[in-house]
Protein backbone atom coordinates (compact mmCIF):
# COMPACT_ATOMS: atom_id res chain seq x y z
CA MET A 1 18.51 11.94 -40.86
CA PHE A 2 19.39 9.93 -37.86
CA GLN A 3 18.20 12.67 -35.49
CA GLU A 4 14.43 13.07 -37.14
CA ASN A 5 14.32 9.36 -37.40
CA ARG A 6 15.11 9.23 -33.53
CA GLU A 7 13.04 11.77 -32.52
CA LYS A 8 9.67 10.52 -34.16
CA ARG A 9 10.16 7.15 -32.12
CA LEU A 10 10.51 9.00 -29.28
CA LEU A 11 7.58 9.22 -27.36
CA VAL A 12 7.78 10.82 -23.73
CA GLY A 13 4.24 9.95 -21.68
CA ALA A 14 3.07 10.37 -17.74
CA VAL A 15 1.99 7.77 -15.81
CA GLN A 16 -0.91 8.69 -13.16
CA ASN A 17 -0.22 8.60 -9.55
CA LYS A 18 -2.90 7.78 -7.92
CA GLU A 19 -1.73 9.63 -4.84
CA ALA A 20 -0.85 13.10 -6.52
CA PHE A 21 -3.64 12.77 -8.98
CA PRO A 22 -6.55 10.85 -8.03
CA ASP A 23 -8.59 13.15 -10.43
CA PHE A 24 -8.17 11.35 -14.17
CA PHE A 25 -8.92 14.63 -15.57
CA ALA A 26 -6.66 16.95 -13.56
CA PHE A 27 -4.26 14.36 -14.35
CA LEU A 28 -4.56 14.41 -18.22
CA GLU A 29 -4.71 18.33 -17.90
CA LYS A 30 -1.32 18.68 -16.16
CA ALA A 31 0.41 15.63 -18.46
CA ARG A 32 -0.95 17.93 -21.41
CA ASP A 33 0.59 20.96 -19.82
CA TRP A 34 3.58 18.78 -19.35
CA GLY A 35 3.76 18.31 -23.12
CA SER A 36 3.40 14.43 -22.69
CA ARG A 37 2.79 12.38 -26.10
CA TRP A 38 0.80 9.65 -23.98
CA VAL A 39 -0.67 8.67 -21.03
CA GLU A 40 -0.90 6.09 -18.67
CA LEU A 41 -3.72 5.96 -16.43
CA LYS A 42 -4.62 3.87 -13.09
CA TYR A 43 -7.54 2.21 -12.81
CA GLU A 44 -8.73 1.05 -9.28
CA ARG A 45 -11.85 0.75 -7.27
CA GLU A 46 -10.72 4.00 -5.02
CA LEU A 47 -10.34 6.55 -7.96
CA ASP A 48 -13.90 5.49 -8.95
CA PRO A 49 -16.00 4.47 -6.12
CA GLY A 50 -19.19 5.52 -7.65
CA GLY A 51 -18.25 4.01 -11.48
CA ARG A 52 -18.46 7.36 -12.45
CA MET A 53 -15.23 6.70 -14.75
CA ARG A 54 -17.42 3.81 -16.54
CA SER A 55 -20.30 5.67 -17.75
CA LEU A 56 -20.45 9.21 -19.68
CA ALA A 57 -17.81 10.61 -17.91
CA GLY A 58 -15.04 7.93 -18.87
CA GLU A 59 -16.36 9.01 -22.71
CA ASP A 60 -15.43 12.64 -21.83
CA LEU A 61 -12.20 11.81 -20.86
CA GLY A 62 -11.39 9.59 -23.50
CA ARG A 63 -12.74 12.37 -25.95
CA LEU A 64 -10.46 15.09 -24.34
CA ALA A 65 -7.37 12.98 -24.57
CA GLU A 66 -8.11 12.56 -28.49
CA LYS A 67 -9.10 16.43 -28.66
CA TYR A 68 -5.78 16.51 -27.24
CA GLY A 69 -4.17 14.19 -29.15
CA ILE A 70 -2.61 11.75 -26.64
CA PRO A 71 -3.10 7.98 -26.54
CA VAL A 72 -4.25 6.25 -23.56
CA SER A 73 -3.22 2.94 -22.12
CA VAL A 74 -4.54 1.63 -18.66
CA HIS A 75 -2.82 0.50 -15.32
CA ALA A 76 -5.04 -2.20 -14.22
CA PRO A 77 -5.62 -2.87 -10.48
CA TYR A 78 -2.67 -4.20 -8.63
CA ASN A 79 -2.48 -3.97 -4.99
CA SER A 80 -6.17 -3.63 -4.32
CA GLY A 81 -6.88 -7.37 -3.72
CA THR A 82 -6.54 -8.33 -6.94
CA ASN A 83 -5.01 -12.44 -7.10
CA PHE A 84 -5.35 -14.12 -10.73
CA GLY A 85 -3.74 -16.96 -9.25
CA ALA A 86 -5.98 -17.21 -5.51
CA LEU A 87 -7.14 -19.88 -4.39
CA ASP A 88 -9.36 -18.30 -2.29
CA ARG A 89 -12.84 -18.10 -4.30
CA GLU A 90 -13.82 -15.02 -3.06
CA ILE A 91 -10.13 -13.33 -4.24
CA ARG A 92 -10.40 -14.82 -7.32
CA THR A 93 -14.49 -13.31 -7.75
CA GLU A 94 -13.09 -9.98 -6.73
CA THR A 95 -9.99 -9.94 -8.61
CA ARG A 96 -12.35 -10.51 -12.01
CA GLU A 97 -14.95 -7.90 -11.24
CA GLN A 98 -12.16 -5.32 -10.60
CA MET A 99 -10.73 -6.53 -14.19
CA LYS A 100 -14.25 -6.34 -15.67
CA ALA A 101 -14.53 -2.49 -14.25
CA CYS A 102 -11.11 -1.83 -15.66
CA LEU A 103 -11.73 -3.18 -19.38
CA ASP A 104 -15.09 -1.20 -19.35
CA PHE A 105 -13.04 1.92 -18.28
CA ALA A 106 -10.43 1.30 -20.57
CA SER A 107 -13.08 0.77 -23.45
CA ARG A 108 -14.80 4.07 -22.07
CA VAL A 109 -11.44 5.99 -22.34
CA LYS A 110 -10.50 4.32 -25.76
CA ALA A 111 -6.78 2.81 -24.66
CA THR A 112 -4.71 1.19 -26.86
CA LEU A 113 -3.21 -0.98 -24.08
CA ILE A 114 -4.06 -2.33 -20.73
CA PHE A 115 -1.11 -3.21 -17.74
CA ARG A 116 -1.17 -5.52 -15.28
CA LEU A 117 1.14 -6.46 -12.80
CA PHE A 118 1.45 -10.11 -11.73
CA SER A 119 2.26 -11.06 -8.20
CA LEU A 120 3.59 -14.57 -7.09
CA THR A 121 2.31 -14.30 -3.64
CA THR A 122 -0.96 -15.59 -2.49
């Protein structure tokens, strides 16, 4: 019984490495091949320069993850010029814009969680 309960709680997933898997669909397919039970997608401007993942392509990705039975979380931008505590108004504005785009993407792929690392440096 202990082993059975332990297995139910163990959820092995895959986190997108943006250098190795800049394509969201290729990463999801690879995670499925690996038998991942969950995926964390990275969302940064350089991975979606035209904003296509914030439209029908993002919804297609979400549907595909659902079809595969793989829950999705999103890792928000963290090293792409964002800083919530910046004194510089332009950086704060840029941070808000990138986070809005990330929230839109997360909504499209039906993410259940969004992660964001915070930097204490300016």
